[in-house]
Amino acid sequence: MIKKITFIAILFLFTQISFGQEKYIQIEMVDQSPNYDFVGYPSYYYDMPFGATDYSNDVGLNTILTGNNVIAYDYIESLPNVSENGYANWTLVICDNCDNNQLAAELNAYSSVIRNAYPLDDGLAHNQLYLGIVDVNVGTVTGTNNGIVTTNDAGLNALFTTYNVYFYEQYYPSFTDPYLLSVYTLLCDCDVNLLMTDMEAYSSVINYVERMGLGSQMLLSVSPETAFTDVVLYPNPVKNTLHISKTTNIKSLEIYSIQGQVMLTQKNHFETVDMSQLQSGLYFVKLTDSANRSKTIKIAKN
């Protein structure tokens, strides 16, 4: 019975707001113009009226999207403007109760405007990972070789070559904190789930690795997960003081034990959290923002 209760508590902590049957398609556009009037650029920023079908500035694209229960078409702001093809404009389709595989196939067939359309069953990027390296001096960028990023670590170079990693940069380059300087993001022409598995196994260099959520104005209005894309809790594991990198709009913080018991609550001052009085073990930090969107993050306490 105890095991069952514990499982239910953990399941509750990891369950986010349900988004029904919403599905996603990540799109790389053919037009590489580095401005906001490329062919296929979204017509709306975050205020698309209900029932609107003028999704973009391209009639052919609008025709494909119409009739597929598309509730949002937006520019992806969280992805770097780069792909294996060079400069890239990324857009996002969100549809409700749709066959996103079929819709992606129709979009891919529209090759004069769409370079690649990737069907997704969640709001996570098709080709982007977020990771932390163990030592800030190991795994740093040294250049490129035939379009593949090279670093000062041979093992990481082997992974990058296998998985065609063409973009790899520090996520917080302007910070001075060593933990934040160890955080990187990468893009690949690969199956990111396979890359993530191999990077997790390379624990002598990689501290952690996660899929990245897609960030756009429309998606923020649909999915609370992306509201916390830039939030980092560190160090993890933590001994005494837990730091939060970005606290804008956070209105509350709760820490739960693995049994689901509330161990700590904060309603203000979110830059640091004193965990020194908690016993060693696993905990779950639940952040809630001013729009009542929440995210739960697992933390280890030494």
C-alpha atoms as a PDB file:
ATOM      1  CA  MET A   1       0.000   0.000   0.000  1.00  0.00           C
ATOM      2  CA  ILE A   2       2.884   2.371   0.833  1.00  0.00           C
ATOM      3  CA  LYS A   3       4.467   1.741  -2.555  1.00  0.00           C
ATOM      4  CA  LYS A   4       1.167   2.494  -4.265  1.00  0.00           C
ATOM      5  CA  ILE A   5       0.728   5.768  -2.378  1.00  0.00           C
ATOM      6  CA  THR A   6       4.312   6.768  -3.166  1.00  0.00           C
ATOM      7  CA  PHE A   7       3.796   6.042  -6.863  1.00  0.00           C
ATOM      8  CA  ILE A   8       0.607   8.106  -6.937  1.00  0.00           C
ATOM      9  CA  ALA A   9       2.359  11.006  -5.193  1.00  0.00           C
ATOM     10  CA  ILE A  10       5.239  10.971  -7.685  1.00  0.00           C
ATOM     11  CA  LEU A  11       2.841  10.657 -10.590  1.00  0.00           C
ATOM     12  CA  PHE A  12       0.933  13.678  -9.320  1.00  0.00           C
ATOM     13  CA  LEU A  13       4.106  15.721  -9.044  1.00  0.00           C
ATOM     14  CA  PHE A  14       5.179  14.950 -12.583  1.00  0.00           C
ATOM     15  CA  THR A  15       1.758  15.506 -14.126  1.00  0.00           C
ATOM     16  CA  GLN A  16       1.432  18.886 -15.816  1.00  0.00           C
ATOM     17  CA  ILE A  17      -1.733  20.562 -17.059  1.00  0.00           C
ATOM     18  CA  SER A  18      -3.373  18.418 -19.707  1.00  0.00           C
ATOM     19  CA  PHE A  19      -3.292  19.815 -23.225  1.00  0.00           C
ATOM     20  CA  GLY A  20      -5.914  17.455 -24.664  1.00  0.00           C
ATOM     21  CA  GLN A  21      -4.970  16.109 -28.067  1.00  0.00           C
ATOM     22  CA  GLU A  22      -2.803  19.005 -29.169  1.00  0.00           C
ATOM     23  CA  LYS A  23       0.088  18.016 -31.413  1.00  0.00           C
ATOM     24  CA  TYR A  24       2.908  19.930 -32.993  1.00  0.00           C
ATOM     25  CA  ILE A  25       4.932  20.276 -36.189  1.00  0.00           C
ATOM     26  CA  GLN A  26       8.326  21.956 -36.225  1.00  0.00           C
ATOM     27  CA  ILE A  27       9.069  23.525 -39.612  1.00  0.00           C
ATOM     28  CA  GLU A  28      12.231  24.721 -41.310  1.00  0.00           C
ATOM     29  CA  MET A  29      11.363  27.193 -44.042  1.00  0.00           C
ATOM     30  CA  VAL A  30      13.026  27.320 -47.470  1.00  0.00           C
ATOM     31  CA  ASP A  31      13.378  31.124 -47.425  1.00  0.00           C
ATOM     32  CA  GLN A  32      16.540  31.951 -45.486  1.00  0.00           C
ATOM     33  CA  SER A  33      15.986  35.713 -45.354  1.00  0.00           C
ATOM     34  CA  PRO A  34      17.196  36.935 -41.940  1.00  0.00           C
ATOM     35  CA  ASN A  35      14.182  39.144 -41.328  1.00  0.00           C
ATOM     36  CA  TYR A  36      10.501  38.951 -40.450  1.00  0.00           C
ATOM     37  CA  ASP A  37       9.040  38.870 -43.949  1.00  0.00           C
ATOM     38  CA  PHE A  38      10.304  35.533 -45.243  1.00  0.00           C
ATOM     39  CA  VAL A  39       7.880  33.437 -47.302  1.00  0.00           C
ATOM     40  CA  GLY A  40       5.614  31.643 -44.839  1.00  0.00           C
ATOM     41  CA  TYR A  41       6.084  34.124 -41.989  1.00  0.00           C
ATOM     42  CA  PRO A  42       3.201  33.956 -39.467  1.00  0.00           C
ATOM     43  CA  SER A  43       0.477  36.592 -39.726  1.00  0.00           C
ATOM     44  CA  TYR A  44      -0.078  36.809 -35.971  1.00  0.00           C
ATOM     45  CA  TYR A  45       2.243  37.231 -33.002  1.00  0.00           C
ATOM     46  CA  TYR A  46       0.146  35.867 -30.138  1.00  0.00           C
ATOM     47  CA  ASP A  47      -3.344  37.162 -30.920  1.00  0.00           C
ATOM     48  CA  MET A  48      -4.608  34.902 -33.740  1.00  0.00           C
ATOM     49  CA  PRO A  49      -8.415  35.239 -33.763  1.00  0.00           C
ATOM     50  CA  PHE A  50     -10.447  32.075 -33.316  1.00  0.00           C
ATOM     51  CA  GLY A  51     -11.333  30.623 -36.704  1.00  0.00           C
ATOM     52  CA  ALA A  52      -8.736  32.640 -38.639  1.00  0.00           C
ATOM     53  CA  THR A  53      -7.228  30.904 -41.691  1.00  0.00           C
ATOM     54  CA  ASP A  54      -4.751  33.569 -42.841  1.00  0.00           C
ATOM     55  CA  TYR A  55      -2.027  31.861 -40.862  1.00  0.00           C
ATOM     56  CA  SER A  56       0.893  33.202 -42.878  1.00  0.00           C
ATOM     57  CA  ASN A  57       1.855  35.514 -45.736  1.00  0.00           C
ATOM     58  CA  ASP A  58       1.768  32.558 -48.157  1.00  0.00           C
ATOM     59  CA  VAL A  59      -1.528  31.473 -49.723  1.00  0.00           C
ATOM     60  CA  GLY A  60      -0.351  27.938 -50.523  1.00  0.00           C
ATOM     61  CA  LEU A  61       0.720  27.309 -46.944  1.00  0.00           C
ATOM     62  CA  ASN A  62      -2.570  28.688 -45.638  1.00  0.00           C
ATOM     63  CA  THR A  63      -4.460  26.293 -47.901  1.00  0.00           C
ATOM     64  CA  ILE A  64      -2.610  23.299 -46.464  1.00  0.00           C
ATOM     65  CA  LEU A  65      -3.151  24.387 -42.862  1.00  0.00           C
ATOM     66  CA  THR A  66      -6.854  25.172 -43.316  1.00  0.00           C
ATOM     67  CA  GLY A  67      -9.165  22.338 -42.319  1.00  0.00           C
ATOM     68  CA  ASN A  68      -6.654  20.599 -40.042  1.00  0.00           C
ATOM     69  CA  ASN A  69      -7.814  22.098 -36.728  1.00  0.00           C
ATOM     70  CA  VAL A  70      -4.743  24.327 -36.591  1.00  0.00           C
ATOM     71  CA  ILE A  71      -5.047  26.526 -33.513  1.00  0.00           C
ATOM     72  CA  ALA A  72      -1.680  28.271 -33.822  1.00  0.00           C
ATOM     73  CA  TYR A  73       1.046  28.937 -36.362  1.00  0.00           C
ATOM     74  CA  ASP A  74       3.969  30.875 -34.952  1.00  0.00           C
ATOM     75  CA  TYR A  75       7.648  31.746 -35.239  1.00  0.00           C
ATOM     76  CA  ILE A  76       9.869  29.634 -32.955  1.00  0.00           C
ATOM     77  CA  GLU A  77      11.849  32.037 -30.810  1.00  0.00           C
ATOM     78  CA  SER A  78      13.787  29.493 -28.750  1.00  0.00           C
ATOM     79  CA  LEU A  79      15.693  27.814 -31.602  1.00  0.00           C
ATOM     80  CA  PRO A  80      18.914  29.346 -32.945  1.00  0.00           C
ATOM     81  CA  ASN A  81      18.525  30.491 -36.552  1.00  0.00           C
ATOM     82  CA  VAL A  82      20.714  27.753 -37.954  1.00  0.00           C
ATOM     83  CA  SER A  83      20.403  24.287 -39.471  1.00  0.00           C
ATOM     84  CA  GLU A  84      22.677  21.987 -41.450  1.00  0.00           C
ATOM     85  CA  ASN A  85      21.550  24.046 -44.472  1.00  0.00           C
ATOM     86  CA  GLY A  86      22.835  27.340 -43.069  1.00  0.00           C
ATOM     87  CA  TYR A  87      20.628  30.167 -41.798  1.00  0.00           C
ATOM     88  CA  ALA A  88      17.213  28.839 -40.784  1.00  0.00           C
ATOM     89  CA  ASN A  89      13.783  30.293 -40.075  1.00  0.00           C
ATOM     90  CA  TRP A  90      11.828  27.956 -37.802  1.00  0.00           C
ATOM     91  CA  THR A  91       8.043  27.971 -37.396  1.00  0.00           C
ATOM     92  CA  LEU A  92       5.615  25.918 -35.352  1.00  0.00           C
ATOM     93  CA  VAL A  93       2.185  24.454 -36.077  1.00  0.00           C
ATOM     94  CA  ILE A  94      -0.088  23.504 -33.172  1.00  0.00           C
ATOM     95  CA  CYS A  95      -3.181  21.506 -34.089  1.00  0.00           C
ATOM     96  CA  ASP A  96      -5.982  19.987 -32.040  1.00  0.00           C
ATOM     97  CA  ASN A  97      -7.088  16.372 -32.592  1.00  0.00           C
ATOM     98  CA  CYS A  98      -5.233  16.271 -35.897  1.00  0.00           C
ATOM     99  CA  ASP A  99      -3.141  13.736 -37.758  1.00  0.00           C
ATOM    100  CA  ASN A 100       0.105  15.662 -37.535  1.00  0.00           C
ATOM    101  CA  ASN A 101       1.991  12.960 -39.446  1.00  0.00           C
ATOM    102  CA  GLN A 102      -0.297  13.395 -42.452  1.00  0.00           C
ATOM    103  CA  LEU A 103      -0.214  17.173 -42.160  1.00  0.00           C
ATOM    104  CA  ALA A 104       3.601  17.103 -41.962  1.00  0.00           C
ATOM    105  CA  ALA A 105       3.683  14.970 -45.115  1.00  0.00           C
ATOM    106  CA  GLU A 106       1.517  17.539 -46.930  1.00  0.00           C
ATOM    107  CA  LEU A 107       3.785  20.332 -45.733  1.00  0.00           C
ATOM    108  CA  ASN A 108       6.915  18.486 -46.839  1.00  0.00           C
ATOM    109  CA  ALA A 109       5.354  18.053 -50.288  1.00  0.00           C
ATOM    110  CA  TYR A 110       5.106  21.861 -50.517  1.00  0.00           C
ATOM    111  CA  SER A 111       8.856  21.967 -51.111  1.00  0.00           C
ATOM    112  CA  SER A 112       8.988  25.442 -52.636  1.00  0.00           C
ATOM    113  CA  VAL A 113       8.196  26.920 -49.200  1.00  0.00           C
ATOM    114  CA  ILE A 114       8.811  24.116 -46.657  1.00  0.00           C
ATOM    115  CA  ARG A 115      12.273  22.587 -46.393  1.00  0.00           C
ATOM    116  CA  ASN A 116      11.471  20.170 -43.567  1.00  0.00           C
ATOM    117  CA  ALA A 117       8.394  19.524 -41.413  1.00  0.00           C
ATOM    118  CA  TYR A 118       8.830  17.345 -38.326  1.00  0.00           C
ATOM    119  CA  PRO A 119       5.714  15.953 -36.587  1.00  0.00           C
ATOM    120  CA  LEU A 120       5.960  16.044 -32.779  1.00  0.00           C
ATOM    121  CA  ASP A 121       3.676  14.576 -30.130  1.00  0.00           C
ATOM    122  CA  ASP A 122       4.899  17.071 -27.549  1.00  0.00           C
ATOM    123  CA  GLY A 123       6.242  20.595 -27.386  1.00  0.00           C
ATOM    124  CA  LEU A 124       9.884  19.483 -27.398  1.00  0.00           C
ATOM    125  CA  ALA A 125      12.284  20.425 -30.167  1.00  0.00           C
ATOM    126  CA  HIS A 126      12.999  17.855 -32.848  1.00  0.00           C
ATOM    127  CA  ASN A 127      16.713  18.666 -33.033  1.00  0.00           C
ATOM    128  CA  GLN A 128      17.797  20.516 -29.865  1.00  0.00           C
ATOM    129  CA  LEU A 129      19.287  19.384 -26.557  1.00  0.00           C
ATOM    130  CA  TYR A 130      20.207  21.224 -23.369  1.00  0.00           C
ATOM    131  CA  LEU A 131      23.150  19.876 -21.374  1.00  0.00           C
ATOM    132  CA  GLY A 132      25.636  20.543 -18.647  1.00  0.00           C
ATOM    133  CA  ILE A 133      29.290  19.527 -18.767  1.00  0.00           C
ATOM    134  CA  VAL A 134      31.192  18.300 -15.721  1.00  0.00           C
ATOM    135  CA  ASP A 135      34.249  20.552 -16.174  1.00  0.00           C
ATOM    136  CA  VAL A 136      33.942  23.978 -17.828  1.00  0.00           C
ATOM    137  CA  ASN A 137      37.388  23.450 -19.337  1.00  0.00           C
ATOM    138  CA  VAL A 138      36.486  20.157 -21.031  1.00  0.00           C
ATOM    139  CA  GLY A 139      34.135  20.027 -23.997  1.00  0.00           C
ATOM    140  CA  THR A 140      34.721  23.609 -25.129  1.00  0.00           C
ATOM    141  CA  VAL A 141      34.387  24.518 -28.796  1.00  0.00           C
ATOM    142  CA  THR A 142      37.540  24.540 -30.933  1.00  0.00           C
ATOM    143  CA  GLY A 143      35.995  24.952 -34.395  1.00  0.00           C
ATOM    144  CA  THR A 144      34.223  22.908 -37.072  1.00  0.00           C
ATOM    145  CA  ASN A 145      35.173  20.096 -39.437  1.00  0.00           C
ATOM    146  CA  ASN A 146      33.018  19.660 -42.557  1.00  0.00           C
ATOM    147  CA  GLY A 147      30.190  21.455 -40.787  1.00  0.00           C
ATOM    148  CA  ILE A 148      30.427  19.369 -37.590  1.00  0.00           C
ATOM    149  CA  VAL A 149      31.368  21.102 -34.327  1.00  0.00           C
ATOM    150  CA  THR A 150      34.711  20.108 -32.798  1.00  0.00           C
ATOM    151  CA  THR A 151      35.721  20.452 -29.141  1.00  0.00           C
ATOM    152  CA  ASN A 152      38.799  19.808 -27.013  1.00  0.00           C
ATOM    153  CA  ASP A 153      37.404  16.396 -25.996  1.00  0.00           C
ATOM    154  CA  ALA A 154      37.862  13.390 -28.296  1.00  0.00           C
ATOM    155  CA  GLY A 155      34.889  11.467 -26.908  1.00  0.00           C
ATOM    156  CA  LEU A 156      32.536  14.372 -27.412  1.00  0.00           C
ATOM    157  CA  ASN A 157      33.896  14.853 -30.931  1.00  0.00           C
ATOM    158  CA  ALA A 158      33.086  11.226 -31.729  1.00  0.00           C
ATOM    159  CA  LEU A 159      29.494  11.729 -30.586  1.00  0.00           C
ATOM    160  CA  PHE A 160      29.164  14.958 -32.548  1.00  0.00           C
ATOM    161  CA  THR A 161      30.431  13.264 -35.697  1.00  0.00           C
ATOM    162  CA  THR A 162      28.116  10.266 -35.299  1.00  0.00           C
ATOM    163  CA  TYR A 163      25.055  12.454 -34.733  1.00  0.00           C
ATOM    164  CA  ASN A 164      25.895  15.372 -37.035  1.00  0.00           C
ATOM    165  CA  VAL A 165      25.998  18.083 -34.373  1.00  0.00           C
ATOM    166  CA  TYR A 166      26.359  21.335 -36.305  1.00  0.00           C
ATOM    167  CA  PHE A 167      25.628  23.839 -33.506  1.00  0.00           C
ATOM    168  CA  TYR A 168      26.976  23.799 -29.931  1.00  0.00           C
ATOM    169  CA  GLU A 169      27.193  26.922 -27.766  1.00  0.00           C
ATOM    170  CA  GLN A 170      27.079  28.027 -24.144  1.00  0.00           C
ATOM    171  CA  TYR A 171      23.533  28.803 -23.062  1.00  0.00           C
ATOM    172  CA  TYR A 172      24.559  31.506 -20.565  1.00  0.00           C
ATOM    173  CA  PRO A 173      27.801  32.943 -21.992  1.00  0.00           C
ATOM    174  CA  SER A 174      27.464  36.285 -20.206  1.00  0.00           C
ATOM    175  CA  PHE A 175      27.274  34.751 -16.712  1.00  0.00           C
ATOM    176  CA  THR A 176      30.309  34.274 -14.470  1.00  0.00           C
ATOM    177  CA  ASP A 177      28.987  31.445 -12.309  1.00  0.00           C
ATOM    178  CA  PRO A 178      30.879  28.237 -13.250  1.00  0.00           C
ATOM    179  CA  TYR A 179      27.712  26.143 -13.104  1.00  0.00           C
ATOM    180  CA  LEU A 180      25.903  28.344 -15.610  1.00  0.00           C
ATOM    181  CA  LEU A 181      28.983  28.512 -17.826  1.00  0.00           C
ATOM    182  CA  SER A 182      28.846  24.706 -17.998  1.00  0.00           C
ATOM    183  CA  VAL A 183      25.385  24.786 -19.612  1.00  0.00           C
ATOM    184  CA  TYR A 184      25.281  24.308 -23.395  1.00  0.00           C
ATOM    185  CA  THR A 185      22.670  23.869 -26.095  1.00  0.00           C
ATOM    186  CA  LEU A 186      23.177  21.946 -29.318  1.00  0.00           C
ATOM    187  CA  LEU A 187      21.416  21.271 -32.608  1.00  0.00           C
ATOM    188  CA  CYS A 188      21.881  18.138 -34.681  1.00  0.00           C
ATOM    189  CA  ASP A 189      20.700  16.478 -37.848  1.00  0.00           C
ATOM    190  CA  CYS A 190      19.832  13.318 -35.932  1.00  0.00           C
ATOM    191  CA  ASP A 191      17.448  11.471 -33.646  1.00  0.00           C
ATOM    192  CA  VAL A 192      17.961  13.525 -30.473  1.00  0.00           C
ATOM    193  CA  ASN A 193      16.649  10.712 -28.276  1.00  0.00           C
ATOM    194  CA  LEU A 194      19.477   8.437 -29.415  1.00  0.00           C
ATOM    195  CA  LEU A 195      22.008  11.229 -28.971  1.00  0.00           C
ATOM    196  CA  MET A 196      20.648  11.971 -25.499  1.00  0.00           C
ATOM    197  CA  THR A 197      21.036   8.303 -24.504  1.00  0.00           C
ATOM    198  CA  ASP A 198      24.664   8.213 -25.617  1.00  0.00           C
ATOM    199  CA  MET A 199      25.446  11.545 -23.964  1.00  0.00           C
ATOM    200  CA  GLU A 200      23.930  10.365 -20.677  1.00  0.00           C
ATOM    201  CA  ALA A 201      26.258   7.366 -20.832  1.00  0.00           C
ATOM    202  CA  TYR A 202      29.261   9.683 -21.277  1.00  0.00           C
ATOM    203  CA  SER A 203      29.056  10.751 -17.640  1.00  0.00           C
ATOM    204  CA  SER A 204      32.752  11.586 -17.265  1.00  0.00           C
ATOM    205  CA  VAL A 205      32.161  14.688 -19.410  1.00  0.00           C
ATOM    206  CA  ILE A 206      28.372  15.194 -19.484  1.00  0.00           C
ATOM    207  CA  ASN A 207      26.675  16.013 -16.170  1.00  0.00           C
ATOM    208  CA  TYR A 208      23.092  15.966 -17.496  1.00  0.00           C
ATOM    209  CA  VAL A 209      21.216  16.306 -20.773  1.00  0.00           C
ATOM    210  CA  GLU A 210      17.574  17.156 -21.520  1.00  0.00           C
ATOM    211  CA  ARG A 211      15.252  17.774 -24.453  1.00  0.00           C
ATOM    212  CA  MET A 212      14.478  21.440 -25.074  1.00  0.00           C
ATOM    213  CA  GLY A 213      10.980  22.871 -25.105  1.00  0.00           C
ATOM    214  CA  LEU A 214       9.947  24.923 -28.120  1.00  0.00           C
ATOM    215  CA  GLY A 215       9.351  28.549 -27.204  1.00  0.00           C
ATOM    216  CA  SER A 216       6.961  30.836 -29.071  1.00  0.00           C
ATOM    217  CA  GLN A 217       4.352  33.415 -28.129  1.00  0.00           C
ATOM    218  CA  MET A 218       1.502  31.150 -29.240  1.00  0.00           C
ATOM    219  CA  LEU A 219       2.937  28.167 -27.403  1.00  0.00           C
ATOM    220  CA  LEU A 220       3.216  30.191 -24.209  1.00  0.00           C
ATOM    221  CA  SER A 221      -0.534  30.712 -24.395  1.00  0.00           C
ATOM    222  CA  VAL A 222      -1.087  26.969 -24.876  1.00  0.00           C
ATOM    223  CA  SER A 223       1.623  25.244 -22.868  1.00  0.00           C
ATOM    224  CA  PRO A 224       2.963  26.287 -19.435  1.00  0.00           C
ATOM    225  CA  GLU A 225       6.090  24.158 -19.894  1.00  0.00           C
ATOM    226  CA  THR A 226       7.810  26.715 -22.093  1.00  0.00           C
ATOM    227  CA  ALA A 227       7.327  29.454 -19.496  1.00  0.00           C
ATOM    228  CA  PHE A 228      10.280  27.892 -17.625  1.00  0.00           C
ATOM    229  CA  THR A 229      12.569  27.159 -20.592  1.00  0.00           C
ATOM    230  CA  ASP A 230      15.332  29.502 -19.325  1.00  0.00           C
ATOM    231  CA  VAL A 231      15.083  28.543 -15.636  1.00  0.00           C
ATOM    232  CA  VAL A 232      18.043  26.595 -14.240  1.00  0.00           C
ATOM    233  CA  LEU A 233      18.226  25.215 -10.687  1.00  0.00           C
ATOM    234  CA  TYR A 234      21.820  24.716  -9.552  1.00  0.00           C
ATOM    235  CA  PRO A 235      23.906  23.111  -8.249  1.00  0.00           C
ATOM    236  CA  ASN A 236      22.287  19.715  -8.704  1.00  0.00           C
ATOM    237  CA  PRO A 237      23.083  17.805  -6.550  1.00  0.00           C
ATOM    238  CA  VAL A 238      22.859  20.552  -3.916  1.00  0.00           C
ATOM    239  CA  LYS A 239      24.379  20.568  -0.443  1.00  0.00           C
ATOM    240  CA  ASN A 240      23.058  23.710   1.263  1.00  0.00           C
ATOM    241  CA  THR A 241      21.913  26.539  -1.034  1.00  0.00           C
ATOM    242  CA  LEU A 242      19.950  26.010  -4.231  1.00  0.00           C
ATOM    243  CA  HIS A 243      20.161  28.836  -6.795  1.00  0.00           C
ATOM    244  CA  ILE A 244      17.581  29.747  -9.440  1.00  0.00           C
ATOM    245  CA  SER A 245      18.945  31.464 -12.544  1.00  0.00           C
ATOM    246  CA  LYS A 246      15.807  33.308 -13.637  1.00  0.00           C
ATOM    247  CA  THR A 247      13.026  34.237 -11.226  1.00  0.00           C
ATOM    248  CA  THR A 248      10.981  36.701 -13.290  1.00  0.00           C
ATOM    249  CA  ASN A 249       7.242  36.046 -12.811  1.00  0.00           C
ATOM    250  CA  ILE A 250       7.760  33.190 -10.330  1.00  0.00           C
ATOM    251  CA  LYS A 251       5.229  33.652  -7.544  1.00  0.00           C
ATOM    252  CA  SER A 252       5.714  30.520  -5.441  1.00  0.00           C
ATOM    253  CA  LEU A 253       8.073  27.630  -4.846  1.00  0.00           C
ATOM    254  CA  GLU A 254       7.358  24.330  -3.124  1.00  0.00           C
ATOM    255  CA  ILE A 255       9.707  21.459  -2.360  1.00  0.00           C
ATOM    256  CA  TYR A 256       8.243  17.966  -2.014  1.00  0.00           C
ATOM    257  CA  SER A 257       9.771  14.790  -0.654  1.00  0.00           C
ATOM    258  CA  ILE A 258       9.661  11.679  -2.798  1.00  0.00           C
ATOM    259  CA  GLN A 259       6.668  10.597  -0.699  1.00  0.00           C
ATOM    260  CA  GLY A 260       4.756  13.707  -1.778  1.00  0.00           C
ATOM    261  CA  GLN A 261       5.091  15.626   1.525  1.00  0.00           C
ATOM    262  CA  VAL A 262       5.575  19.407   1.321  1.00  0.00           C
ATOM    263  CA  MET A 263       8.950  20.081   2.915  1.00  0.00           C
ATOM    264  CA  LEU A 264       9.431  23.785   2.147  1.00  0.00           C
ATOM    265  CA  THR A 265       7.427  26.686   0.714  1.00  0.00           C
ATOM    266  CA  GLN A 266       8.583  30.137  -0.434  1.00  0.00           C
ATOM    267  CA  LYS A 267       6.362  32.989  -1.564  1.00  0.00           C
ATOM    268  CA  ASN A 268       9.081  35.568  -2.248  1.00  0.00           C
ATOM    269  CA  HIS A 269      12.845  35.845  -2.742  1.00  0.00           C
ATOM    270  CA  PHE A 270      13.379  33.023  -5.222  1.00  0.00           C
ATOM    271  CA  GLU A 271      17.027  33.596  -6.180  1.00  0.00           C
ATOM    272  CA  THR A 272      18.228  31.201  -3.455  1.00  0.00           C
ATOM    273  CA  VAL A 273      16.624  28.422  -1.423  1.00  0.00           C
ATOM    274  CA  ASP A 274      18.091  27.173   1.848  1.00  0.00           C
ATOM    275  CA  MET A 275      18.005  23.359   1.768  1.00  0.00           C
ATOM    276  CA  SER A 276      20.564  22.814   4.532  1.00  0.00           C
ATOM    277  CA  GLN A 277      17.951  21.489   6.979  1.00  0.00           C
ATOM    278  CA  LEU A 278      16.666  18.820   4.608  1.00  0.00           C
ATOM    279  CA  GLN A 279      17.989  15.277   4.782  1.00  0.00           C
ATOM    280  CA  SER A 280      19.942  13.800   1.889  1.00  0.00           C
ATOM    281  CA  GLY A 281      17.813  12.303  -0.870  1.00  0.00           C
ATOM    282  CA  LEU A 282      15.651  13.177  -3.866  1.00  0.00           C
ATOM    283  CA  TYR A 283      13.244  16.107  -3.856  1.00  0.00           C
ATOM    284  CA  PHE A 284      10.903  17.770  -6.331  1.00  0.00           C
ATOM    285  CA  VAL A 285      10.892  21.554  -6.710  1.00  0.00           C
ATOM    286  CA  LYS A 286       7.596  22.921  -8.025  1.00  0.00           C
ATOM    287  CA  LEU A 287       7.714  26.425  -9.503  1.00  0.00           C
ATOM    288  CA  THR A 288       4.533  28.382 -10.212  1.00  0.00           C
ATOM    289  CA  ASP A 289       4.425  31.636 -12.168  1.00  0.00           C
ATOM    290  CA  SER A 290       2.056  34.608 -12.089  1.00  0.00           C
ATOM    291  CA  ALA A 291      -0.175  32.960 -14.736  1.00  0.00           C
ATOM    292  CA  ASN A 292      -0.511  29.846 -12.516  1.00  0.00           C
ATOM    293  CA  ARG A 293       1.631  27.770 -14.887  1.00  0.00           C
ATOM    294  CA  SER A 294       3.868  25.311 -13.083  1.00  0.00           C
ATOM    295  CA  LYS A 295       6.829  23.029 -13.599  1.00  0.00           C
ATOM    296  CA  THR A 296       8.330  20.377 -11.333  1.00  0.00           C
ATOM    297  CA  ILE A 297      12.089  19.708 -11.345  1.00  0.00           C
ATOM    298  CA  LYS A 298      13.908  16.823  -9.626  1.00  0.00           C
ATOM    299  CA  ILE A 299      16.750  17.817  -7.298  1.00  0.00           C
ATOM    300  CA  ALA A 300      19.228  15.626  -5.424  1.00  0.00           C
ATOM    301  CA  LYS A 301      20.292  16.738  -1.926  1.00  0.00           C
ATOM    302  CA  ASN A 302      23.700  15.614  -0.606  1.00  0.00           C
END
